[in-house]
PDB file of N, CA and C in Angstrom:
ATOM      1  N   MET A   1     114.650 103.648 113.547  1.00  0.00           N
ATOM      2  CA  MET A   1     113.392 103.527 113.646  1.00  0.00           C
ATOM      3  C   MET A   1     112.229 104.209 113.612  1.00  0.00           C
ATOM      4  N   ARG A   2     111.005 103.891 112.378  1.00  0.00           N
ATOM      5  CA  ARG A   2     109.673 104.665 112.483  1.00  0.00           C
ATOM      6  C   ARG A   2     108.621 104.474 113.447  1.00  0.00           C
ATOM      7  N   LEU A   3     107.913 105.412 113.826  1.00  0.00           N
ATOM      8  CA  LEU A   3     107.325 105.708 113.935  1.00  0.00           C
ATOM      9  C   LEU A   3     105.560 105.196 113.690  1.00  0.00           C
ATOM     10  N   THR A   4     104.897 104.183 114.132  1.00  0.00           N
ATOM     11  CA  THR A   4     103.440 103.802 113.344  1.00  0.00           C
ATOM     12  C   THR A   4     102.834 104.672 113.077  1.00  0.00           C
ATOM     13  N   ALA A   5     101.984 104.459 112.653  1.00  0.00           N
ATOM     14  CA  ALA A   5     101.183 105.778 112.202  1.00  0.00           C
ATOM     15  C   ALA A   5     100.047 105.770 113.089  1.00  0.00           C
ATOM     16  N   GLY A   6      99.487 105.096 113.718  1.00  0.00           N
ATOM     17  CA  GLY A   6      98.794 104.881 115.229  1.00  0.00           C
ATOM     18  C   GLY A   6      99.258 105.779 116.383  1.00  0.00           C
ATOM     19  N   ILE A   7     100.243 105.427 116.605  1.00  0.00           N
ATOM     20  CA  ILE A   7     100.907 106.873 117.876  1.00  0.00           C
ATOM     21  C   ILE A   7     101.123 108.160 116.709  1.00  0.00           C
ATOM     22  N   TRP A   8     102.063 108.410 115.707  1.00  0.00           N
ATOM     23  CA  TRP A   8     101.918 109.376 115.033  1.00  0.00           C
ATOM     24  C   TRP A   8     100.862 110.027 115.220  1.00  0.00           C
ATOM     25  N   VAL A   9      99.804 109.749 114.409  1.00  0.00           N
ATOM     26  CA  VAL A   9      98.390 110.231 114.756  1.00  0.00           C
ATOM     27  C   VAL A   9      97.822 111.212 115.805  1.00  0.00           C
ATOM     28  N   SER A  10      98.301 109.908 116.762  1.00  0.00           N
ATOM     29  CA  SER A  10      97.716 110.216 118.460  1.00  0.00           C
ATOM     30  C   SER A  10      98.678 111.423 118.884  1.00  0.00           C
ATOM     31  N   ALA A  11     100.146 111.760 118.836  1.00  0.00           N
ATOM     32  CA  ALA A  11     101.005 112.578 118.775  1.00  0.00           C
ATOM     33  C   ALA A  11     100.599 113.790 118.200  1.00  0.00           C
ATOM     34  N   TYR A  12     100.117 113.835 116.945  1.00  0.00           N
ATOM     35  CA  TYR A  12      99.794 115.052 116.249  1.00  0.00           C
ATOM     36  C   TYR A  12      98.451 115.178 116.399  1.00  0.00           C
ATOM     37  N   LEU A  13      97.471 114.708 116.645  1.00  0.00           N
ATOM     38  CA  LEU A  13      96.732 115.016 117.668  1.00  0.00           C
ATOM     39  C   LEU A  13      96.352 115.807 118.644  1.00  0.00           C
ATOM     40  N   ALA A  14      97.373 115.419 119.726  1.00  0.00           N
ATOM     41  CA  ALA A  14      97.699 115.650 121.066  1.00  0.00           C
ATOM     42  C   ALA A  14      98.253 117.333 120.796  1.00  0.00           C
ATOM     43  N   ARG A  15      99.587 117.572 119.783  1.00  0.00           N
ATOM     44  CA  ARG A  15     100.334 118.554 119.864  1.00  0.00           C
ATOM     45  C   ARG A  15      99.064 119.564 118.707  1.00  0.00           C
ATOM     46  N   LEU A  16      98.313 119.415 117.989  1.00  0.00           N
ATOM     47  CA  LEU A  16      97.101 120.665 117.893  1.00  0.00           C
ATOM     48  C   LEU A  16      96.109 120.530 118.997  1.00  0.00           C
ATOM     49  N   ARG A  17      96.135 119.860 119.750  1.00  0.00           N
ATOM     50  CA  ARG A  17      94.978 120.268 120.853  1.00  0.00           C
ATOM     51  C   ARG A  17      95.822 121.017 121.670  1.00  0.00           C
ATOM     52  N   LEU A  18      97.314 121.163 122.310  1.00  0.00           N
ATOM     53  CA  LEU A  18      97.709 121.782 122.977  1.00  0.00           C
ATOM     54  C   LEU A  18      97.920 123.142 122.656  1.00  0.00           C
ATOM     55  N   ALA A  19      97.925 123.421 120.866  1.00  0.00           N
ATOM     56  CA  ALA A  19      98.120 124.539 120.282  1.00  0.00           C
ATOM     57  C   ALA A  19      96.674 125.050 119.729  1.00  0.00           C
ATOM     58  N   ASP A  20      95.422 124.549 120.804  1.00  0.00           N
ATOM     59  CA  ASP A  20      94.057 125.223 120.369  1.00  0.00           C
ATOM     60  C   ASP A  20      93.968 125.124 119.349  1.00  0.00           C
ATOM     61  N   VAL A  21      93.999 124.316 118.352  1.00  0.00           N
ATOM     62  CA  VAL A  21      93.885 123.741 116.483  1.00  0.00           C
ATOM     63  C   VAL A  21      92.676 122.608 116.715  1.00  0.00           C
ATOM     64  N   PRO A  22      91.515 122.643 116.342  1.00  0.00           N
ATOM     65  CA  PRO A  22      90.711 121.488 116.667  1.00  0.00           C
ATOM     66  C   PRO A  22      91.579 120.573 115.188  1.00  0.00           C
ATOM     67  N   ALA A  23      90.854 119.254 115.502  1.00  0.00           N
ATOM     68  CA  ALA A  23      91.246 118.475 114.563  1.00  0.00           C
ATOM     69  C   ALA A  23      90.731 117.199 114.774  1.00  0.00           C
ATOM     70  N   PHE A  24      90.224 116.373 113.827  1.00  0.00           N
ATOM     71  CA  PHE A  24      89.624 114.909 113.776  1.00  0.00           C
ATOM     72  C   PHE A  24      89.829 113.893 113.154  1.00  0.00           C
ATOM     73  N   VAL A  25      89.932 112.655 113.760  1.00  0.00           N
ATOM     74  CA  VAL A  25      90.332 111.588 112.724  1.00  0.00           C
ATOM     75  C   VAL A  25      89.202 110.994 111.670  1.00  0.00           C
ATOM     76  N   VAL A  26      89.193 111.661 110.440  1.00  0.00           N
ATOM     77  CA  VAL A  26      88.509 110.808 109.640  1.00  0.00           C
ATOM     78  C   VAL A  26      87.606 109.762 108.650  1.00  0.00           C
ATOM     79  N   ARG A  27      88.962 109.127 108.866  1.00  0.00           N
ATOM     80  CA  ARG A  27      89.156 107.949 107.979  1.00  0.00           C
ATOM     81  C   ARG A  27      90.622 108.037 108.792  1.00  0.00           C
ATOM     82  N   ARG A  28      90.074 106.518 109.620  1.00  0.00           N
ATOM     83  CA  ARG A  28      91.093 105.294 110.570  1.00  0.00           C
ATOM     84  C   ARG A  28      91.693 104.340 109.454  1.00  0.00           C
ATOM     85  N   GLY A  29      92.973 104.277 109.149  1.00  0.00           N
ATOM     86  CA  GLY A  29      93.678 103.492 108.649  1.00  0.00           C
ATOM     87  C   GLY A  29      94.183 102.274 109.289  1.00  0.00           C
ATOM     88  N   ASP A  30      95.315 101.646 109.329  1.00  0.00           N
ATOM     89  CA  ASP A  30      95.929 100.517 109.642  1.00  0.00           C
ATOM     90  C   ASP A  30      97.131 101.598 110.542  1.00  0.00           C
ATOM     91  N   THR A  31      96.857 100.974 112.206  1.00  0.00           N
ATOM     92  CA  THR A  31      97.666 101.561 113.056  1.00  0.00           C
ATOM     93  C   THR A  31      98.879 101.343 113.068  1.00  0.00           C
ATOM     94  N   THR A  32      99.210 100.523 112.030  1.00  0.00           N
ATOM     95  CA  THR A  32     100.877  99.864 111.789  1.00  0.00           C
ATOM     96  C   THR A  32     101.864  99.978 110.779  1.00  0.00           C
ATOM     97  N   ALA A  33     101.582 100.559 109.377  1.00  0.00           N
ATOM     98  CA  ALA A  33     102.174 100.803 108.181  1.00  0.00           C
ATOM     99  C   ALA A  33     101.120 101.947 107.726  1.00  0.00           C
ATOM    100  N   GLY A  34      99.945 102.338 108.237  1.00  0.00           N
ATOM    101  CA  GLY A  34      98.957 103.165 106.938  1.00  0.00           C
ATOM    102  C   GLY A  34      99.641 104.264 106.934  1.00  0.00           C
ATOM    103  N   ALA A  35      99.488 105.153 105.868  1.00  0.00           N
ATOM    104  CA  ALA A  35      99.954 106.359 105.587  1.00  0.00           C
ATOM    105  C   ALA A  35      99.178 106.911 105.660  1.00  0.00           C
ATOM    106  N   VAL A  36      99.543 108.424 106.098  1.00  0.00           N
ATOM    107  CA  VAL A  36      98.770 109.503 105.942  1.00  0.00           C
ATOM    108  C   VAL A  36      98.624 110.808 105.497  1.00  0.00           C
ATOM    109  N   LEU A  37      97.247 111.086 105.472  1.00  0.00           N
ATOM    110  CA  LEU A  37      96.479 112.574 104.436  1.00  0.00           C
ATOM    111  C   LEU A  37      96.408 113.585 105.284  1.00  0.00           C
ATOM    112  N   VAL A  38      96.790 114.920 105.670  1.00  0.00           N
ATOM    113  CA  VAL A  38      96.061 115.884 106.351  1.00  0.00           C
ATOM    114  C   VAL A  38      95.879 116.948 105.771  1.00  0.00           C
ATOM    115  N   LYS A  39      94.342 116.601 105.999  1.00  0.00           N
ATOM    116  CA  LYS A  39      93.392 117.617 105.471  1.00  0.00           C
ATOM    117  C   LYS A  39      93.419 118.999 106.230  1.00  0.00           C
ATOM    118  N   LEU A  40      93.370 120.186 105.468  1.00  0.00           N
ATOM    119  CA  LEU A  40      93.845 121.120 106.339  1.00  0.00           C
ATOM    120  C   LEU A  40      92.267 122.200 105.576  1.00  0.00           C
ATOM    121  N   ASN A  41      91.077 122.776 106.552  1.00  0.00           N
ATOM    122  CA  ASN A  41      90.155 123.031 106.562  1.00  0.00           C
ATOM    123  C   ASN A  41      90.285 124.361 106.808  1.00  0.00           C
ATOM    124  N   ARG A  42      90.200 125.629 105.921  1.00  0.00           N
ATOM    125  CA  ARG A  42      90.205 126.990 106.087  1.00  0.00           C
ATOM    126  C   ARG A  42      88.615 127.554 106.878  1.00  0.00           C
ATOM    127  N   LEU A  43      87.733 126.750 106.380  1.00  0.00           N
ATOM    128  CA  LEU A  43      86.426 126.857 106.816  1.00  0.00           C
ATOM    129  C   LEU A  43      85.924 127.995 106.147  1.00  0.00           C
ATOM    130  N   ASP A  44      86.249 128.589 105.150  1.00  0.00           N
ATOM    131  CA  ASP A  44      85.892 129.369 104.345  1.00  0.00           C
ATOM    132  C   ASP A  44      85.506 128.974 102.646  1.00  0.00           C
ATOM    133  N   GLY A  45      85.030 127.252 102.342  1.00  0.00           N
ATOM    134  CA  GLY A  45      84.864 126.779 101.451  1.00  0.00           C
ATOM    135  C   GLY A  45      86.185 126.011 100.544  1.00  0.00           C
ATOM    136  N   GLU A  46      87.646 126.501 101.066  1.00  0.00           N
ATOM    137  CA  GLU A  46      88.764 126.149 100.777  1.00  0.00           C
ATOM    138  C   GLU A  46      89.425 125.555 101.505  1.00  0.00           C
ATOM    139  N   ALA A  47      90.194 124.238 100.922  1.00  0.00           N
ATOM    140  CA  ALA A  47      90.793 123.218 101.873  1.00  0.00           C
ATOM    141  C   ALA A  47      92.288 122.891 101.018  1.00  0.00           C
ATOM    142  N   THR A  48      93.417 122.656 102.101  1.00  0.00           N
ATOM    143  CA  THR A  48      94.642 121.798 101.273  1.00  0.00           C
ATOM    144  C   THR A  48      94.901 120.286 101.720  1.00  0.00           C
ATOM    145  N   CYS A  49      95.424 119.461 100.740  1.00  0.00           N
ATOM    146  CA  CYS A  49      95.219 118.274 101.476  1.00  0.00           C
ATOM    147  C   CYS A  49      97.000 117.964 101.431  1.00  0.00           C
ATOM    148  N   PHE A  50      97.637 117.916 102.807  1.00  0.00           N
ATOM    149  CA  PHE A  50      98.829 117.473 102.144  1.00  0.00           C
ATOM    150  C   PHE A  50      99.435 115.863 102.653  1.00  0.00           C
ATOM    151  N   GLN A  51     100.416 115.319 102.549  1.00  0.00           N
ATOM    152  CA  GLN A  51     100.672 114.061 102.435  1.00  0.00           C
ATOM    153  C   GLN A  51     102.505 113.992 102.451  1.00  0.00           C
ATOM    154  N   ARG A  52     102.726 112.696 102.979  1.00  0.00           N
ATOM    155  CA  ARG A  52     104.152 112.972 103.586  1.00  0.00           C
ATOM    156  C   ARG A  52     104.719 112.290 102.257  1.00  0.00           C
ATOM    157  N   SER A  53     106.026 112.621 102.105  1.00  0.00           N
ATOM    158  CA  SER A  53     106.873 112.249 100.893  1.00  0.00           C
ATOM    159  C   SER A  53     108.377 112.077 101.248  1.00  0.00           C
ATOM    160  N   PHE A  54     108.660 111.425 100.582  1.00  0.00           N
ATOM    161  CA  PHE A  54     110.906 111.137 100.658  1.00  0.00           C
ATOM    162  C   PHE A  54     110.943 112.184  99.659  1.00  0.00           C
ATOM    163  N   ASP A  55     112.018 112.992  99.759  1.00  0.00           N
ATOM    164  CA  ASP A  55     113.111 113.514  99.464  1.00  0.00           C
ATOM    165  C   ASP A  55     113.594 112.760  98.688  1.00  0.00           C
ATOM    166  N   LEU A  56     114.318 112.421  97.257  1.00  0.00           N
ATOM    167  CA  LEU A  56     115.049 111.473  97.006  1.00  0.00           C
ATOM    168  C   LEU A  56     116.385 111.943  97.024  1.00  0.00           C
ATOM    169  N   MET A  57     116.403 113.354  97.235  1.00  0.00           N
ATOM    170  CA  MET A  57     118.128 113.971  96.994  1.00  0.00           C
ATOM    171  C   MET A  57     118.361 113.900  98.375  1.00  0.00           C
ATOM    172  N   SER A  58     118.062 114.326  99.450  1.00  0.00           N
ATOM    173  CA  SER A  58     118.279 114.554 100.811  1.00  0.00           C
ATOM    174  C   SER A  58     117.991 113.121 101.812  1.00  0.00           C
ATOM    175  N   GLY A  59     116.856 112.347 101.376  1.00  0.00           N
ATOM    176  CA  GLY A  59     116.844 111.022 101.707  1.00  0.00           C
ATOM    177  C   GLY A  59     115.519 111.330 102.792  1.00  0.00           C
ATOM    178  N   GLU A  60     114.817 112.743 103.318  1.00  0.00           N
ATOM    179  CA  GLU A  60     114.229 113.084 104.430  1.00  0.00           C
ATOM    180  C   GLU A  60     112.715 112.859 103.794  1.00  0.00           C
ATOM    181  N   ARG A  61     112.349 112.744 105.340  1.00  0.00           N
ATOM    182  CA  ARG A  61     111.000 113.440 104.911  1.00  0.00           C
ATOM    183  C   ARG A  61     110.320 114.734 104.856  1.00  0.00           C
ATOM    184  N   ARG A  62     109.261 114.620 104.298  1.00  0.00           N
ATOM    185  CA  ARG A  62     108.534 116.070 104.353  1.00  0.00           C
ATOM    186  C   ARG A  62     107.014 116.136 103.698  1.00  0.00           C
ATOM    187  N   TRP A  63     106.423 117.168 104.249  1.00  0.00           N
ATOM    188  CA  TRP A  63     104.896 117.003 104.311  1.00  0.00           C
ATOM    189  C   TRP A  63     104.674 118.175 102.599  1.00  0.00           C
ATOM    190  N   ILE A  64     103.915 117.739 101.597  1.00  0.00           N
ATOM    191  CA  ILE A  64     103.767 118.099 100.348  1.00  0.00           C
ATOM    192  C   ILE A  64     102.591 118.169  99.925  1.00  0.00           C
ATOM    193  N   GLU A  65     102.083 119.390  99.544  1.00  0.00           N
ATOM    194  CA  GLU A  65     100.474 119.395  99.130  1.00  0.00           C
ATOM    195  C   GLU A  65     100.068 118.384  98.224  1.00  0.00           C
ATOM    196  N   LEU A  66      99.597 117.875  98.399  1.00  0.00           N
ATOM    197  CA  LEU A  66      98.767 117.152  97.252  1.00  0.00           C
ATOM    198  C   LEU A  66      97.683 118.059  96.121  1.00  0.00           C
ATOM    199  N   THR A  67      96.977 118.520  96.899  1.00  0.00           N
ATOM    200  CA  THR A  67      96.204 119.487  96.447  1.00  0.00           C
ATOM    201  C   THR A  67      95.352 120.712  97.249  1.00  0.00           C
ATOM    202  N   SER A  68      94.639 121.802  96.819  1.00  0.00           N
ATOM    203  CA  SER A  68      93.886 122.689  97.300  1.00  0.00           C
ATOM    204  C   SER A  68      93.169 123.128  96.011  1.00  0.00           C
ATOM    205  N   GLY A  69      92.103 124.015  97.150  1.00  0.00           N
ATOM    206  CA  GLY A  69      91.043 124.452  96.601  1.00  0.00           C
ATOM    207  C   GLY A  69      89.640 124.614  96.706  1.00  0.00           C
ATOM    208  N   LYS A  70      88.681 124.209  95.938  1.00  0.00           N
ATOM    209  CA  LYS A  70      87.622 124.347  97.301  1.00  0.00           C
ATOM    210  C   LYS A  70      87.646 123.001  97.553  1.00  0.00           C
ATOM    211  N   GLU A  71      86.763 122.908  98.781  1.00  0.00           N
ATOM    212  CA  GLU A  71      86.812 121.677  99.905  1.00  0.00           C
ATOM    213  C   GLU A  71      86.272 120.657  99.002  1.00  0.00           C
ATOM    214  N   ALA A  72      85.599 120.841  98.240  1.00  0.00           N
ATOM    215  CA  ALA A  72      84.839 119.462  97.504  1.00  0.00           C
ATOM    216  C   ALA A  72      85.352 118.658  96.553  1.00  0.00           C
ATOM    217  N   THR A  73      86.523 119.664  95.947  1.00  0.00           N
ATOM    218  CA  THR A  73      87.307 118.937  95.123  1.00  0.00           C
ATOM    219  C   THR A  73      88.610 118.574  95.587  1.00  0.00           C
ATOM    220  N   VAL A  74      88.756 118.967  96.693  1.00  0.00           N
ATOM    221  CA  VAL A  74      89.693 118.644  98.345  1.00  0.00           C
ATOM    222  C   VAL A  74      89.250 117.097  98.742  1.00  0.00           C
ATOM    223  N   ASP A  75      87.642 117.491  98.821  1.00  0.00           N
ATOM    224  CA  ASP A  75      87.612 115.702  98.927  1.00  0.00           C
ATOM    225  C   ASP A  75      87.170 114.900  98.210  1.00  0.00           C
ATOM    226  N   GLU A  76      87.136 115.228  97.133  1.00  0.00           N
ATOM    227  CA  GLU A  76      87.234 114.085  95.786  1.00  0.00           C
ATOM    228  C   GLU A  76      88.530 113.992  95.433  1.00  0.00           C
ATOM    229  N   ALA A  77      89.695 114.146  95.615  1.00  0.00           N
ATOM    230  CA  ALA A  77      91.035 114.283  95.447  1.00  0.00           C
ATOM    231  C   ALA A  77      91.128 112.738  97.137  1.00  0.00           C
ATOM    232  N   ILE A  78      90.801 113.455  97.911  1.00  0.00           N
ATOM    233  CA  ILE A  78      91.156 112.204  98.896  1.00  0.00           C
ATOM    234  C   ILE A  78      90.566 110.878  98.827  1.00  0.00           C
ATOM    235  N   ALA A  79      89.046 110.893  98.388  1.00  0.00           N
ATOM    236  CA  ALA A  79      88.038 110.176  98.086  1.00  0.00           C
ATOM    237  C   ALA A  79      88.971 109.002  97.270  1.00  0.00           C
ATOM    238  N   ARG A  80      89.755 109.723  96.507  1.00  0.00           N
ATOM    239  CA  ARG A  80      90.289 108.776  95.447  1.00  0.00           C
ATOM    240  C   ARG A  80      91.281 108.022  95.365  1.00  0.00           C
ATOM    241  N   GLN A  81      92.334 109.097  96.834  1.00  0.00           N
ATOM    242  CA  GLN A  81      93.358 108.288  97.515  1.00  0.00           C
ATOM    243  C   GLN A  81      92.821 107.499  98.138  1.00  0.00           C
ATOM    244  N   CYS A  82      91.830 107.306  99.058  1.00  0.00           N
ATOM    245  CA  CYS A  82      91.496 106.130  99.868  1.00  0.00           C
ATOM    246  C   CYS A  82      90.767 105.292  98.559  1.00  0.00           C
ATOM    247  N   SER A  83      90.330 105.029  97.751  1.00  0.00           N
ATOM    248  CA  SER A  83      89.843 104.318  97.308  1.00  0.00           C
ATOM    249  C   SER A  83      91.163 103.052  96.525  1.00  0.00           C
ATOM    250  N   PHE A  84      91.883 103.808  96.107  1.00  0.00           N
ATOM    251  CA  PHE A  84      93.918 103.009  96.284  1.00  0.00           C
ATOM    252  C   PHE A  84      93.881 102.403  97.387  1.00  0.00           C
ATOM    253  N   ASP A  85      93.923 102.963  98.294  1.00  0.00           N
ATOM    254  CA  ASP A  85      95.259 102.630  99.878  1.00  0.00           C
ATOM    255  C   ASP A  85      93.554 102.263 101.204  1.00  0.00           C
ATOM    256  N   PRO A  86      93.288 101.088 101.320  1.00  0.00           N
ATOM    257  CA  PRO A  86      92.146 101.222 102.577  1.00  0.00           C
ATOM    258  C   PRO A  86      93.274 101.105 103.739  1.00  0.00           C
ATOM    259  N   ASP A  87      94.753 101.172 103.863  1.00  0.00           N
ATOM    260  CA  ASP A  87      95.134 101.341 104.838  1.00  0.00           C
ATOM    261  C   ASP A  87      95.205 103.103 105.324  1.00  0.00           C
ATOM    262  N   LEU A  88      94.744 103.962 104.465  1.00  0.00           N
ATOM    263  CA  LEU A  88      95.173 105.202 104.423  1.00  0.00           C
ATOM    264  C   LEU A  88      94.531 106.314 106.135  1.00  0.00           C
ATOM    265  N   TRP A  89      94.933 107.000 106.538  1.00  0.00           N
ATOM    266  CA  TRP A  89      94.695 108.160 107.696  1.00  0.00           C
ATOM    267  C   TRP A  89      93.749 108.972 106.726  1.00  0.00           C
ATOM    268  N   VAL A  90      93.040 109.956 107.060  1.00  0.00           N
ATOM    269  CA  VAL A  90      92.701 111.001 106.978  1.00  0.00           C
ATOM    270  C   VAL A  90      92.551 111.854 108.261  1.00  0.00           C
ATOM    271  N   ILE A  91      93.329 112.849 108.815  1.00  0.00           N
ATOM    272  CA  ILE A  91      92.841 113.951 109.574  1.00  0.00           C
ATOM    273  C   ILE A  91      92.519 114.904 109.328  1.00  0.00           C
ATOM    274  N   GLU A  92      91.497 115.310 109.712  1.00  0.00           N
ATOM    275  CA  GLU A  92      91.362 117.043 109.400  1.00  0.00           C
ATOM    276  C   GLU A  92      91.401 118.297 109.921  1.00  0.00           C
ATOM    277  N   VAL A  93      91.884 118.858 109.730  1.00  0.00           N
ATOM    278  CA  VAL A  93      92.604 120.169 110.549  1.00  0.00           C
ATOM    279  C   VAL A  93      91.667 120.853 110.723  1.00  0.00           C
ATOM    280  N   GLU A  94      90.937 121.970 111.320  1.00  0.00           N
ATOM    281  CA  GLU A  94      89.981 123.191 111.435  1.00  0.00           C
ATOM    282  C   GLU A  94      90.869 125.015 111.666  1.00  0.00           C
ATOM    283  N   SER A  95      91.306 125.762 110.709  1.00  0.00           N
ATOM    284  CA  SER A  95      91.845 126.369 111.146  1.00  0.00           C
ATOM    285  C   SER A  95      91.794 127.683 109.924  1.00  0.00           C
ATOM    286  N   ARG A  96      90.984 128.692 110.449  1.00  0.00           N
ATOM    287  CA  ARG A  96      91.067 129.860 109.131  1.00  0.00           C
ATOM    288  C   ARG A  96      92.319 130.685 109.310  1.00  0.00           C
ATOM    289  N   ALA A  97      93.388 130.468 109.883  1.00  0.00           N
ATOM    290  CA  ALA A  97      94.088 130.793 110.007  1.00  0.00           C
ATOM    291  C   ALA A  97      95.325 130.199 109.395  1.00  0.00           C
ATOM    292  N   GLY A  98      95.285 128.468 108.955  1.00  0.00           N
ATOM    293  CA  GLY A  98      95.934 127.841 108.053  1.00  0.00           C
ATOM    294  C   GLY A  98      96.810 127.220 108.837  1.00  0.00           C
ATOM    295  N   ARG A  99      96.446 127.028 110.267  1.00  0.00           N
ATOM    296  CA  ARG A  99      97.971 126.429 110.896  1.00  0.00           C
ATOM    297  C   ARG A  99      97.415 124.883 110.942  1.00  0.00           C
ATOM    298  N   HIS A 100      98.297 123.914 110.531  1.00  0.00           N
ATOM    299  CA  HIS A 100      98.428 122.538 110.628  1.00  0.00           C
ATOM    300  C   HIS A 100      99.905 122.343 111.343  1.00  0.00           C
ATOM    301  N   LEU A 101     100.686 122.697 111.466  1.00  0.00           N
ATOM    302  CA  LEU A 101     101.762 122.524 112.331  1.00  0.00           C
ATOM    303  C   LEU A 101     102.889 121.294 111.972  1.00  0.00           C
ATOM    304  N   LEU A 102     102.768 120.894 110.352  1.00  0.00           N
ATOM    305  CA  LEU A 102     103.471 120.304 109.816  1.00  0.00           C
ATOM    306  C   LEU A 102     105.022 120.858 109.575  1.00  0.00           C
ATOM    307  N   ASP A 103     104.268 121.653 109.876  1.00  0.00           N
ATOM    308  CA  ASP A 103     106.072 122.178 109.658  1.00  0.00           C
ATOM    309  C   ASP A 103     106.848 122.572 110.769  1.00  0.00           C
ATOM    310  N   GLU A 104     106.653 121.933 111.812  1.00  0.00           N
ATOM    311  CA  GLU A 104     107.446 121.744 113.350  1.00  0.00           C
ATOM    312  C   GLU A 104     108.143 120.835 113.498  1.00  0.00           C
ATOM    313  N   PRO A 105     109.272 120.846 114.007  1.00  0.00           N
ATOM    314  CA  PRO A 105     110.504 119.623 114.170  1.00  0.00           C
ATOM    315  C   PRO A 105     109.204 118.871 114.986  1.00  0.00           C
ATOM    316  N   GLY A 106     109.663 117.525 114.530  1.00  0.00           N
ATOM    317  CA  GLY A 106     109.351 116.072 114.706  1.00  0.00           C
ATOM    318  C   GLY A 106     107.607 115.546 114.629  1.00  0.00           C
ATOM    319  N   LEU A 107     107.235 116.288 113.371  1.00  0.00           N
ATOM    320  CA  LEU A 107     106.530 116.421 112.776  1.00  0.00           C
ATOM    321  C   LEU A 107     106.877 115.550 111.147  1.00  0.00           C
ATOM    322  N   GLU A 108     108.070 115.934 110.817  1.00  0.00           N
ATOM    323  CA  GLU A 108     108.171 115.131 109.400  1.00  0.00           C
ATOM    324  C   GLU A 108     107.835 113.557 109.559  1.00  0.00           C
TER     325      GLU A 108
END
């Protein structure tokens, strides 16, 4: 059984809050089945966007890098994705150290 997007986002934001990593919802998608993008803003003009993907070999869900580079370029890529998918969630994480917690157990 899969978690709904809304519940996953709430849990992710709570985990970030507990780790003192600022984050907020930039775009609210469909609460049931919306996909989620996570933008890591390093607060130095650079950013990385992650999307959840399925590994066809193992069948596991993993977070992969969609794009990275100048923040404006990453924002453009996110805007393109949003134009294709009106149900998409976008979460922005702000961390100079690059902490996003997506590699921790339970967030796959």
